[in-house]
Each structure stands twice: as structure tokens, then as C-alpha cells.
Amino acid sequence: MPEPVIEPSPRRCSECHELREMDEFQDEGYRCKYCDSMQPEISRYADRADEKKERLNDGLNRLVRATLSRAPELPGVTEICQQMFHLFGGLNGLCAAWFADIHFAKPGSKTRLEQYTRIVQLLQAAVAEQQSQFDIESASEEELEQAVRDYVLRIVDDSKEAEAHVDSA
């Protein structure tokens, strides 16, 4: 019985993905001879594409820089708050207007409840800020009592000023 002849099976090129006979490949390479011969041209094309992409990016970056250099100066949050304080007549005016909004709102209304919620949130933020500034753990009992007294007096004085401003308006 004759021995079977094993013919090399076709292989798929890693570039063009076509099935090709073994003799169409360079040695043990994975690219066919055609794709191998086209490699320099493909490389040049890829290099040109990279150069175009780089030029486009440079152009866009120049455009963005030029646009930003002509952009108007926008105010920051601090500047906006300062202007609002100025328009309300300072901190006392702002608090008086806020108190008037609460005072003249219908009892039990959504507006009044929202304002009370805002006051509680503001107080929580103030307490958190004071706690971060005042070291409770290292303070003596006298220092703690004095800090609480100062805080309560400040709240009482601020509320009396707000009530007086509303009554005079």
C-alpha cells in the first residue's frame, strides 16, 4: 500500500486574512509574500496618517488657546457672594431680608419649612467649622464654657438685629 502524501494545508495571512498556499509565505512568516512586499508602503501610509493627526491636534490646540485668551473673565463664587452681600446691604441686610421672607411666609407653608431647613443646615455647617477651628479635646472646662457663651450671645445678638431691622421696615 502506498504511503499517503501529506500536502501542506493553506494558511491564513495575518495581514490580509486570506487563505494562501504555503509557498506564498516567506519562510515561517505569518504574512504572505504580497503583504510582505506591501509593508513599506503601508508603513509610509501609517506615518503620513500619524503626521496628519499630529498637525490636526496642534491646530486644534492653537485654536483652543487663542479662544481662551479672548474669553471674558468670569467672576468666581467669592466675587458673586461679595456682590450679593453688597446688594443686600451687607450681612445684616441679607439676614434681615432672609428673616423677612420667613416672617411673612404663611405658617406651615413649604417656603417657611424650607427656610427653617436651610437655617438648620447653615447652623450645622457653622458648628462643623467652629469645631474644626476650636480644639475641644485640649480645651479646659473654662475655655469650653466661654466658647459656648460666645456662640449663644452671637446667635441672640444676630436674631435681635434681624428682628429690629424687620420691625423698622
N, C-alpha and C. Protein backbone atom coordinates (compact mmCIF):
# COMPACT_ATOMS: atom_id res chain seq x y z
N MET A 1 0.83 -1.16 0.00
CA MET A 1 0.00 0.00 0.00
C MET A 1 0.88 1.23 0.00
N PRO A 2 0.56 2.19 -0.86
CA PRO A 2 1.40 3.37 -0.94
C PRO A 2 1.15 4.28 0.28
N GLU A 3 2.21 4.95 0.65
CA GLU A 3 2.08 5.87 1.79
C GLU A 3 1.31 7.10 1.34
N PRO A 4 0.48 7.58 2.23
CA PRO A 4 -0.29 8.79 1.86
C PRO A 4 0.62 10.00 1.75
N VAL A 5 0.32 10.82 0.81
CA VAL A 5 1.09 12.05 0.60
C VAL A 5 0.40 13.16 1.38
N ILE A 6 1.17 13.77 2.25
CA ILE A 6 0.62 14.87 3.06
C ILE A 6 0.98 16.17 2.37
N GLU A 7 -0.06 16.83 1.91
CA GLU A 7 0.16 18.12 1.28
C GLU A 7 -0.03 19.21 2.31
N PRO A 8 0.80 20.22 2.24
CA PRO A 8 0.65 21.32 3.21
C PRO A 8 -0.70 22.00 3.01
N SER A 9 -1.34 22.24 4.09
CA SER A 9 -2.66 22.89 4.02
C SER A 9 -2.47 24.41 3.90
N PRO A 10 -3.45 25.06 3.34
CA PRO A 10 -3.33 26.52 3.21
C PRO A 10 -3.28 27.18 4.60
N ARG A 11 -2.66 28.36 4.64
CA ARG A 11 -2.54 29.11 5.89
C ARG A 11 -3.17 30.48 5.67
N ARG A 12 -3.66 31.07 6.75
CA ARG A 12 -4.29 32.38 6.67
C ARG A 12 -3.24 33.45 6.96
N CYS A 13 -3.18 34.45 6.09
CA CYS A 13 -2.24 35.56 6.24
C CYS A 13 -2.68 36.45 7.41
N SER A 14 -1.72 36.87 8.21
CA SER A 14 -2.06 37.69 9.39
C SER A 14 -2.43 39.13 9.01
N GLU A 15 -2.12 39.57 7.80
CA GLU A 15 -2.44 40.93 7.37
C GLU A 15 -3.74 40.99 6.58
N CYS A 16 -3.80 40.25 5.47
CA CYS A 16 -4.98 40.32 4.59
C CYS A 16 -6.04 39.28 4.98
N HIS A 17 -5.69 38.33 5.80
CA HIS A 17 -6.59 37.28 6.31
C HIS A 17 -7.15 36.36 5.22
N GLU A 18 -6.41 36.27 4.13
CA GLU A 18 -6.83 35.35 3.06
C GLU A 18 -6.11 34.02 3.23
N LEU A 19 -6.79 32.95 2.81
CA LEU A 19 -6.14 31.63 2.81
C LEU A 19 -5.21 31.56 1.62
N ARG A 20 -3.97 31.20 1.88
CA ARG A 20 -2.96 31.13 0.82
C ARG A 20 -2.19 29.83 0.97
N GLU A 21 -1.63 29.40 -0.13
CA GLU A 21 -0.81 28.19 -0.11
C GLU A 21 0.49 28.49 0.63
N MET A 22 1.13 27.45 1.11
CA MET A 22 2.34 27.61 1.90
C MET A 22 3.49 28.25 1.10
N ASP A 23 3.51 28.01 -0.21
CA ASP A 23 4.60 28.58 -0.99
C ASP A 23 4.45 30.09 -1.20
N GLU A 24 3.30 30.65 -0.80
CA GLU A 24 3.09 32.09 -0.92
C GLU A 24 3.53 32.83 0.34
N PHE A 25 4.15 32.11 1.27
CA PHE A 25 4.64 32.72 2.50
C PHE A 25 6.16 32.72 2.50
N GLN A 26 6.76 33.74 3.10
CA GLN A 26 8.21 33.80 3.27
C GLN A 26 8.58 32.88 4.43
N ASP A 27 9.40 31.93 4.25
CA ASP A 27 9.87 31.01 5.28
C ASP A 27 8.75 30.62 6.25
N GLU A 28 8.95 30.91 7.52
CA GLU A 28 7.94 30.56 8.52
C GLU A 28 7.14 31.79 8.94
N GLY A 29 7.12 32.81 8.09
CA GLY A 29 6.42 34.04 8.44
C GLY A 29 4.91 33.86 8.45
N TYR A 30 4.24 34.85 8.97
CA TYR A 30 2.78 34.81 9.05
C TYR A 30 2.12 35.72 8.03
N ARG A 31 2.94 36.52 7.30
CA ARG A 31 2.40 37.35 6.23
C ARG A 31 2.73 36.72 4.89
N CYS A 32 1.77 36.82 3.98
CA CYS A 32 2.03 36.30 2.64
C CYS A 32 3.04 37.21 1.93
N LYS A 33 3.60 36.73 0.82
CA LYS A 33 4.63 37.49 0.12
C LYS A 33 4.09 38.84 -0.36
N TYR A 34 2.82 38.87 -0.80
CA TYR A 34 2.23 40.12 -1.28
C TYR A 34 2.17 41.15 -0.15
N CYS A 35 1.63 40.73 1.00
CA CYS A 35 1.53 41.66 2.14
C CYS A 35 2.91 42.07 2.62
N ASP A 36 3.86 41.14 2.57
CA ASP A 36 5.23 41.43 2.97
C ASP A 36 5.84 42.49 2.05
N SER A 37 5.54 42.38 0.75
CA SER A 37 6.08 43.36 -0.19
C SER A 37 5.40 44.73 -0.04
N MET A 38 4.17 44.74 0.47
CA MET A 38 3.42 45.98 0.64
C MET A 38 3.74 46.67 1.97
N GLN A 39 4.45 45.99 2.84
CA GLN A 39 4.71 46.53 4.18
C GLN A 39 5.36 47.91 4.17
N PRO A 40 6.37 48.17 3.33
CA PRO A 40 6.96 49.52 3.33
C PRO A 40 5.94 50.60 2.96
N GLU A 41 5.08 50.30 1.98
CA GLU A 41 4.07 51.28 1.58
C GLU A 41 3.05 51.49 2.71
N ILE A 42 2.66 50.41 3.37
CA ILE A 42 1.72 50.52 4.49
C ILE A 42 2.34 51.35 5.60
N SER A 43 3.62 51.13 5.86
CA SER A 43 4.31 51.90 6.90
C SER A 43 4.35 53.38 6.55
N ARG A 44 4.63 53.69 5.29
CA ARG A 44 4.65 55.09 4.87
C ARG A 44 3.27 55.72 5.04
N TYR A 45 2.22 54.97 4.66
CA TYR A 45 0.86 55.47 4.79
C TYR A 45 0.53 55.73 6.27
N ALA A 46 0.92 54.80 7.14
CA ALA A 46 0.66 54.96 8.58
C ALA A 46 1.43 56.16 9.12
N ASP A 47 2.67 56.35 8.68
CA ASP A 47 3.45 57.50 9.12
C ASP A 47 2.80 58.81 8.69
N ARG A 48 2.31 58.85 7.43
CA ARG A 48 1.63 60.05 6.95
C ARG A 48 0.36 60.32 7.75
N ALA A 49 -0.36 59.26 8.09
CA ALA A 49 -1.58 59.42 8.89
C ALA A 49 -1.25 59.96 10.28
N ASP A 50 -0.16 59.46 10.87
CA ASP A 50 0.27 59.96 12.18
C ASP A 50 0.66 61.43 12.10
N GLU A 51 1.36 61.81 11.03
CA GLU A 51 1.75 63.20 10.85
C GLU A 51 0.52 64.10 10.71
N LYS A 52 -0.46 63.65 9.93
CA LYS A 52 -1.69 64.43 9.75
C LYS A 52 -2.42 64.59 11.09
N LYS A 53 -2.48 63.51 11.85
CA LYS A 53 -3.15 63.55 13.15
C LYS A 53 -2.43 64.53 14.08
N GLU A 54 -1.12 64.53 14.07
CA GLU A 54 -0.33 65.43 14.91
C GLU A 54 -0.56 66.88 14.50
N ARG A 55 -0.58 67.15 13.18
CA ARG A 55 -0.84 68.52 12.71
C ARG A 55 -2.24 68.98 13.10
N LEU A 56 -3.22 68.08 13.00
CA LEU A 56 -4.59 68.42 13.38
C LEU A 56 -4.67 68.74 14.87
N ASN A 57 -4.03 67.92 15.70
CA ASN A 57 -4.03 68.16 17.15
C ASN A 57 -3.36 69.49 17.48
N ASP A 58 -2.23 69.78 16.82
CA ASP A 58 -1.55 71.05 17.05
C ASP A 58 -2.45 72.22 16.67
N GLY A 59 -3.12 72.11 15.53
CA GLY A 59 -4.02 73.17 15.10
C GLY A 59 -5.17 73.37 16.07
N LEU A 60 -5.75 72.28 16.53
CA LEU A 60 -6.85 72.39 17.50
C LEU A 60 -6.38 73.00 18.81
N ASN A 61 -5.20 72.61 19.26
CA ASN A 61 -4.66 73.18 20.50
C ASN A 61 -4.42 74.68 20.36
N ARG A 62 -3.89 75.12 19.19
CA ARG A 62 -3.70 76.55 18.97
C ARG A 62 -5.04 77.29 18.96
N LEU A 63 -6.05 76.68 18.36
CA LEU A 63 -7.37 77.29 18.31
C LEU A 63 -7.96 77.43 19.71
N VAL A 64 -7.84 76.39 20.52
CA VAL A 64 -8.36 76.44 21.89
C VAL A 64 -7.64 77.52 22.69
N ARG A 65 -6.30 77.57 22.59
CA ARG A 65 -5.53 78.58 23.33
C ARG A 65 -5.94 79.99 22.89
N ALA A 66 -6.11 80.19 21.59
CA ALA A 66 -6.49 81.51 21.09
C ALA A 66 -7.87 81.90 21.57
N THR A 67 -8.79 80.94 21.59
CA THR A 67 -10.16 81.21 22.04
C THR A 67 -10.17 81.53 23.53
N LEU A 68 -9.43 80.77 24.32
CA LEU A 68 -9.40 81.00 25.76
C LEU A 68 -8.74 82.33 26.11
N SER A 69 -7.77 82.74 25.33
CA SER A 69 -7.10 84.00 25.63
C SER A 69 -8.03 85.19 25.41
N ARG A 70 -9.05 85.01 24.57
CA ARG A 70 -10.01 86.09 24.31
C ARG A 70 -11.29 85.94 25.13
N ALA A 71 -11.36 84.91 25.98
CA ALA A 71 -12.57 84.67 26.77
C ALA A 71 -12.70 85.75 27.86
N PRO A 72 -13.91 86.16 28.17
CA PRO A 72 -14.09 87.17 29.21
C PRO A 72 -13.76 86.57 30.58
N GLU A 73 -13.33 87.42 31.49
CA GLU A 73 -13.07 86.98 32.85
C GLU A 73 -14.40 86.72 33.54
N LEU A 74 -14.59 85.52 34.00
CA LEU A 74 -15.82 85.16 34.69
C LEU A 74 -15.59 85.30 36.19
N PRO A 75 -16.59 85.84 36.90
CA PRO A 75 -16.41 86.01 38.35
C PRO A 75 -16.42 84.66 39.06
N GLY A 76 -15.68 84.60 40.14
CA GLY A 76 -15.66 83.39 40.96
C GLY A 76 -16.80 83.42 41.96
N VAL A 77 -16.96 82.34 42.68
CA VAL A 77 -18.03 82.23 43.68
C VAL A 77 -17.88 83.32 44.73
N THR A 78 -16.66 83.57 45.18
CA THR A 78 -16.44 84.58 46.22
C THR A 78 -16.88 85.96 45.73
N GLU A 79 -16.55 86.29 44.49
CA GLU A 79 -16.94 87.59 43.94
C GLU A 79 -18.46 87.71 43.84
N ILE A 80 -19.12 86.65 43.46
CA ILE A 80 -20.58 86.67 43.37
C ILE A 80 -21.18 86.88 44.76
N CYS A 81 -20.67 86.15 45.76
CA CYS A 81 -21.17 86.31 47.13
C CYS A 81 -20.93 87.73 47.64
N GLN A 82 -19.74 88.30 47.36
CA GLN A 82 -19.46 89.67 47.79
C GLN A 82 -20.44 90.66 47.16
N GLN A 83 -20.73 90.47 45.89
CA GLN A 83 -21.67 91.37 45.21
C GLN A 83 -23.08 91.24 45.80
N MET A 84 -23.49 90.00 46.07
CA MET A 84 -24.82 89.79 46.67
C MET A 84 -24.88 90.44 48.06
N PHE A 85 -23.83 90.30 48.85
CA PHE A 85 -23.79 90.94 50.17
C PHE A 85 -23.91 92.45 49.99
N HIS A 86 -23.19 92.99 49.01
CA HIS A 86 -23.25 94.43 48.75
C HIS A 86 -24.67 94.86 48.36
N LEU A 87 -25.31 94.11 47.48
CA LEU A 87 -26.66 94.46 47.04
C LEU A 87 -27.68 94.37 48.17
N PHE A 88 -27.48 93.45 49.11
CA PHE A 88 -28.40 93.32 50.25
C PHE A 88 -28.07 94.31 51.35
N GLY A 89 -26.98 95.03 51.23
CA GLY A 89 -26.62 95.97 52.28
C GLY A 89 -25.75 95.32 53.35
N GLY A 90 -24.95 94.37 52.97
CA GLY A 90 -24.06 93.70 53.92
C GLY A 90 -24.73 92.48 54.53
N LEU A 91 -24.04 91.91 55.50
CA LEU A 91 -24.53 90.70 56.14
C LEU A 91 -25.82 90.95 56.90
N ASN A 92 -25.90 92.08 57.59
CA ASN A 92 -27.13 92.38 58.33
C ASN A 92 -28.33 92.53 57.40
N GLY A 93 -28.12 93.18 56.26
CA GLY A 93 -29.21 93.33 55.30
C GLY A 93 -29.66 92.00 54.72
N LEU A 94 -28.68 91.15 54.43
CA LEU A 94 -29.01 89.83 53.89
C LEU A 94 -29.81 89.02 54.90
N CYS A 95 -29.34 89.02 56.15
CA CYS A 95 -30.05 88.26 57.19
C CYS A 95 -31.44 88.83 57.45
N ALA A 96 -31.56 90.17 57.43
CA ALA A 96 -32.87 90.81 57.65
C ALA A 96 -33.84 90.43 56.53
N ALA A 97 -33.35 90.43 55.29
CA ALA A 97 -34.22 90.05 54.17
C ALA A 97 -34.62 88.59 54.28
N TRP A 98 -33.70 87.77 54.69
CA TRP A 98 -33.99 86.34 54.86
C TRP A 98 -35.02 86.16 55.96
N PHE A 99 -34.83 86.87 57.09
CA PHE A 99 -35.77 86.78 58.20
C PHE A 99 -37.16 87.26 57.77
N ALA A 100 -37.19 88.34 56.97
CA ALA A 100 -38.48 88.86 56.49
C ALA A 100 -39.19 87.83 55.62
N ASP A 101 -38.46 87.14 54.78
CA ASP A 101 -39.07 86.10 53.94
C ASP A 101 -39.71 85.01 54.81
N ILE A 102 -39.02 84.65 55.87
CA ILE A 102 -39.56 83.62 56.77
C ILE A 102 -40.74 84.17 57.55
N HIS A 103 -40.58 85.40 58.08
CA HIS A 103 -41.62 86.01 58.93
C HIS A 103 -42.93 86.21 58.18
N PHE A 104 -42.85 86.63 56.91
CA PHE A 104 -44.07 86.92 56.16
C PHE A 104 -44.61 85.72 55.39
N ALA A 105 -43.91 84.62 55.42
CA ALA A 105 -44.43 83.41 54.77
C ALA A 105 -45.54 82.83 55.62
N LYS A 106 -46.47 82.18 54.98
CA LYS A 106 -47.62 81.59 55.68
C LYS A 106 -47.11 80.49 56.63
N PRO A 107 -47.56 80.50 57.88
CA PRO A 107 -47.14 79.45 58.82
C PRO A 107 -47.47 78.06 58.27
N GLY A 108 -46.49 77.17 58.35
CA GLY A 108 -46.67 75.81 57.85
C GLY A 108 -46.49 75.66 56.36
N SER A 109 -46.19 76.76 55.67
CA SER A 109 -46.03 76.69 54.21
C SER A 109 -44.71 76.02 53.85
N LYS A 110 -44.65 75.58 52.61
CA LYS A 110 -43.43 74.94 52.12
C LYS A 110 -42.26 75.91 52.16
N THR A 111 -42.50 77.17 51.81
CA THR A 111 -41.45 78.19 51.83
C THR A 111 -40.85 78.32 53.22
N ARG A 112 -41.71 78.43 54.23
CA ARG A 112 -41.23 78.61 55.60
C ARG A 112 -40.47 77.36 56.06
N LEU A 113 -40.99 76.19 55.77
CA LEU A 113 -40.31 74.96 56.19
C LEU A 113 -38.95 74.81 55.50
N GLU A 114 -38.88 75.16 54.22
CA GLU A 114 -37.60 75.10 53.51
C GLU A 114 -36.59 76.06 54.11
N GLN A 115 -37.06 77.25 54.50
CA GLN A 115 -36.14 78.23 55.10
C GLN A 115 -35.62 77.74 56.44
N TYR A 116 -36.49 77.13 57.24
CA TYR A 116 -36.03 76.57 58.52
C TYR A 116 -35.02 75.45 58.28
N THR A 117 -35.26 74.66 57.26
CA THR A 117 -34.29 73.59 56.91
C THR A 117 -32.95 74.20 56.54
N ARG A 118 -32.97 75.29 55.76
CA ARG A 118 -31.73 75.96 55.36
C ARG A 118 -30.99 76.51 56.58
N ILE A 119 -31.75 77.05 57.55
CA ILE A 119 -31.12 77.59 58.76
C ILE A 119 -30.44 76.47 59.54
N VAL A 120 -31.11 75.34 59.66
CA VAL A 120 -30.52 74.21 60.37
C VAL A 120 -29.25 73.74 59.65
N GLN A 121 -29.29 73.67 58.33
CA GLN A 121 -28.10 73.28 57.57
C GLN A 121 -26.97 74.28 57.76
N LEU A 122 -27.31 75.55 57.78
CA LEU A 122 -26.31 76.59 57.99
C LEU A 122 -25.70 76.48 59.39
N LEU A 123 -26.53 76.23 60.38
CA LEU A 123 -26.03 76.05 61.75
C LEU A 123 -25.13 74.82 61.85
N GLN A 124 -25.51 73.75 61.18
CA GLN A 124 -24.65 72.56 61.18
C GLN A 124 -23.30 72.85 60.56
N ALA A 125 -23.30 73.60 59.47
CA ALA A 125 -22.04 73.97 58.82
C ALA A 125 -21.21 74.87 59.73
N ALA A 126 -21.87 75.80 60.43
CA ALA A 126 -21.16 76.70 61.34
C ALA A 126 -20.54 75.92 62.49
N VAL A 127 -21.30 74.97 63.05
CA VAL A 127 -20.78 74.16 64.15
C VAL A 127 -19.59 73.33 63.67
N ALA A 128 -19.70 72.74 62.51
CA ALA A 128 -18.61 71.94 61.97
C ALA A 128 -17.37 72.81 61.75
N GLU A 129 -17.57 74.03 61.28
CA GLU A 129 -16.44 74.94 61.06
C GLU A 129 -15.80 75.34 62.38
N GLN A 130 -16.64 75.64 63.37
CA GLN A 130 -16.09 76.02 64.68
C GLN A 130 -15.36 74.85 65.33
N GLN A 131 -15.90 73.67 65.17
CA GLN A 131 -15.24 72.51 65.76
C GLN A 131 -13.89 72.27 65.10
N SER A 132 -13.79 72.57 63.82
CA SER A 132 -12.51 72.39 63.15
C SER A 132 -11.51 73.46 63.57
N GLN A 133 -12.00 74.63 64.02
CA GLN A 133 -11.11 75.71 64.44
C GLN A 133 -10.79 75.63 65.93
N PHE A 134 -11.71 75.15 66.72
CA PHE A 134 -11.55 75.11 68.17
C PHE A 134 -11.25 73.68 68.59
N ASP A 135 -10.12 73.49 69.23
CA ASP A 135 -9.71 72.15 69.64
C ASP A 135 -10.38 71.81 70.97
N ILE A 136 -11.50 71.11 70.90
CA ILE A 136 -12.28 70.78 72.09
C ILE A 136 -11.50 69.86 73.02
N GLU A 137 -10.79 68.93 72.46
CA GLU A 137 -10.10 67.92 73.27
C GLU A 137 -9.02 68.52 74.17
N SER A 138 -8.36 69.56 73.70
CA SER A 138 -7.29 70.14 74.51
C SER A 138 -7.75 71.35 75.32
N ALA A 139 -9.00 71.77 75.15
CA ALA A 139 -9.51 72.95 75.86
C ALA A 139 -9.88 72.59 77.30
N SER A 140 -9.72 73.58 78.17
CA SER A 140 -10.13 73.39 79.57
C SER A 140 -11.63 73.60 79.67
N GLU A 141 -12.19 73.30 80.83
CA GLU A 141 -13.64 73.48 81.03
C GLU A 141 -14.02 74.95 80.91
N GLU A 142 -13.16 75.83 81.43
CA GLU A 142 -13.45 77.27 81.34
C GLU A 142 -13.47 77.73 79.88
N GLU A 143 -12.53 77.25 79.07
CA GLU A 143 -12.48 77.63 77.65
C GLU A 143 -13.72 77.12 76.91
N LEU A 144 -14.16 75.91 77.25
CA LEU A 144 -15.37 75.36 76.62
C LEU A 144 -16.60 76.18 77.00
N GLU A 145 -16.73 76.53 78.28
CA GLU A 145 -17.88 77.34 78.73
C GLU A 145 -17.88 78.70 78.05
N GLN A 146 -16.71 79.31 77.95
CA GLN A 146 -16.61 80.62 77.30
C GLN A 146 -16.97 80.53 75.81
N ALA A 147 -16.53 79.48 75.13
CA ALA A 147 -16.85 79.31 73.71
C ALA A 147 -18.34 79.14 73.50
N VAL A 148 -19.01 78.37 74.38
CA VAL A 148 -20.46 78.18 74.27
C VAL A 148 -21.17 79.50 74.54
N ARG A 149 -20.74 80.26 75.59
CA ARG A 149 -21.35 81.55 75.90
C ARG A 149 -21.24 82.51 74.71
N ASP A 150 -20.04 82.58 74.12
CA ASP A 150 -19.82 83.47 72.96
C ASP A 150 -20.72 83.10 71.79
N TYR A 151 -20.84 81.81 71.56
CA TYR A 151 -21.67 81.34 70.45
C TYR A 151 -23.13 81.68 70.66
N VAL A 152 -23.64 81.45 71.88
CA VAL A 152 -25.04 81.75 72.19
C VAL A 152 -25.29 83.25 72.10
N LEU A 153 -24.38 84.06 72.64
CA LEU A 153 -24.56 85.52 72.58
C LEU A 153 -24.56 86.02 71.14
N ARG A 154 -23.70 85.45 70.30
CA ARG A 154 -23.67 85.85 68.90
C ARG A 154 -24.98 85.52 68.21
N ILE A 155 -25.54 84.35 68.49
CA ILE A 155 -26.82 83.96 67.87
C ILE A 155 -27.93 84.89 68.35
N VAL A 156 -27.97 85.19 69.65
CA VAL A 156 -29.01 86.06 70.21
C VAL A 156 -28.89 87.46 69.64
N ASP A 157 -27.67 88.01 69.59
CA ASP A 157 -27.47 89.36 69.04
C ASP A 157 -27.87 89.43 67.58
N ASP A 158 -27.50 88.42 66.80
CA ASP A 158 -27.86 88.41 65.38
C ASP A 158 -29.36 88.35 65.18
N SER A 159 -30.05 87.56 66.00
CA SER A 159 -31.51 87.45 65.84
C SER A 159 -32.20 88.73 66.27
N LYS A 160 -31.67 89.44 67.32
CA LYS A 160 -32.26 90.72 67.75
C LYS A 160 -32.08 91.77 66.66
N GLU A 161 -30.90 91.82 66.04
CA GLU A 161 -30.65 92.77 64.95
C GLU A 161 -31.58 92.49 63.77
N ALA A 162 -31.79 91.25 63.46
CA ALA A 162 -32.68 90.89 62.34
C ALA A 162 -34.10 91.29 62.66
N GLU A 163 -34.57 91.06 63.87
CA GLU A 163 -35.93 91.44 64.25
C GLU A 163 -36.10 92.95 64.23
N ALA A 164 -35.09 93.70 64.72
CA ALA A 164 -35.16 95.16 64.73
C ALA A 164 -35.20 95.69 63.30
N HIS A 165 -34.44 95.09 62.41
CA HIS A 165 -34.43 95.55 61.02
C HIS A 165 -35.79 95.30 60.36
N VAL A 166 -36.42 94.18 60.66
CA VAL A 166 -37.72 93.86 60.07
C VAL A 166 -38.78 94.79 60.65
N ASP A 167 -38.72 95.06 61.96
CA ASP A 167 -39.70 95.92 62.59
C ASP A 167 -39.62 97.34 62.06
N SER A 168 -38.40 97.80 61.72
CA SER A 168 -38.23 99.15 61.21
C SER A 168 -38.64 99.26 59.73
N ALA A 169 -38.72 98.16 59.05
CA ALA A 169 -39.05 98.19 57.61
C ALA A 169 -40.49 98.27 57.34
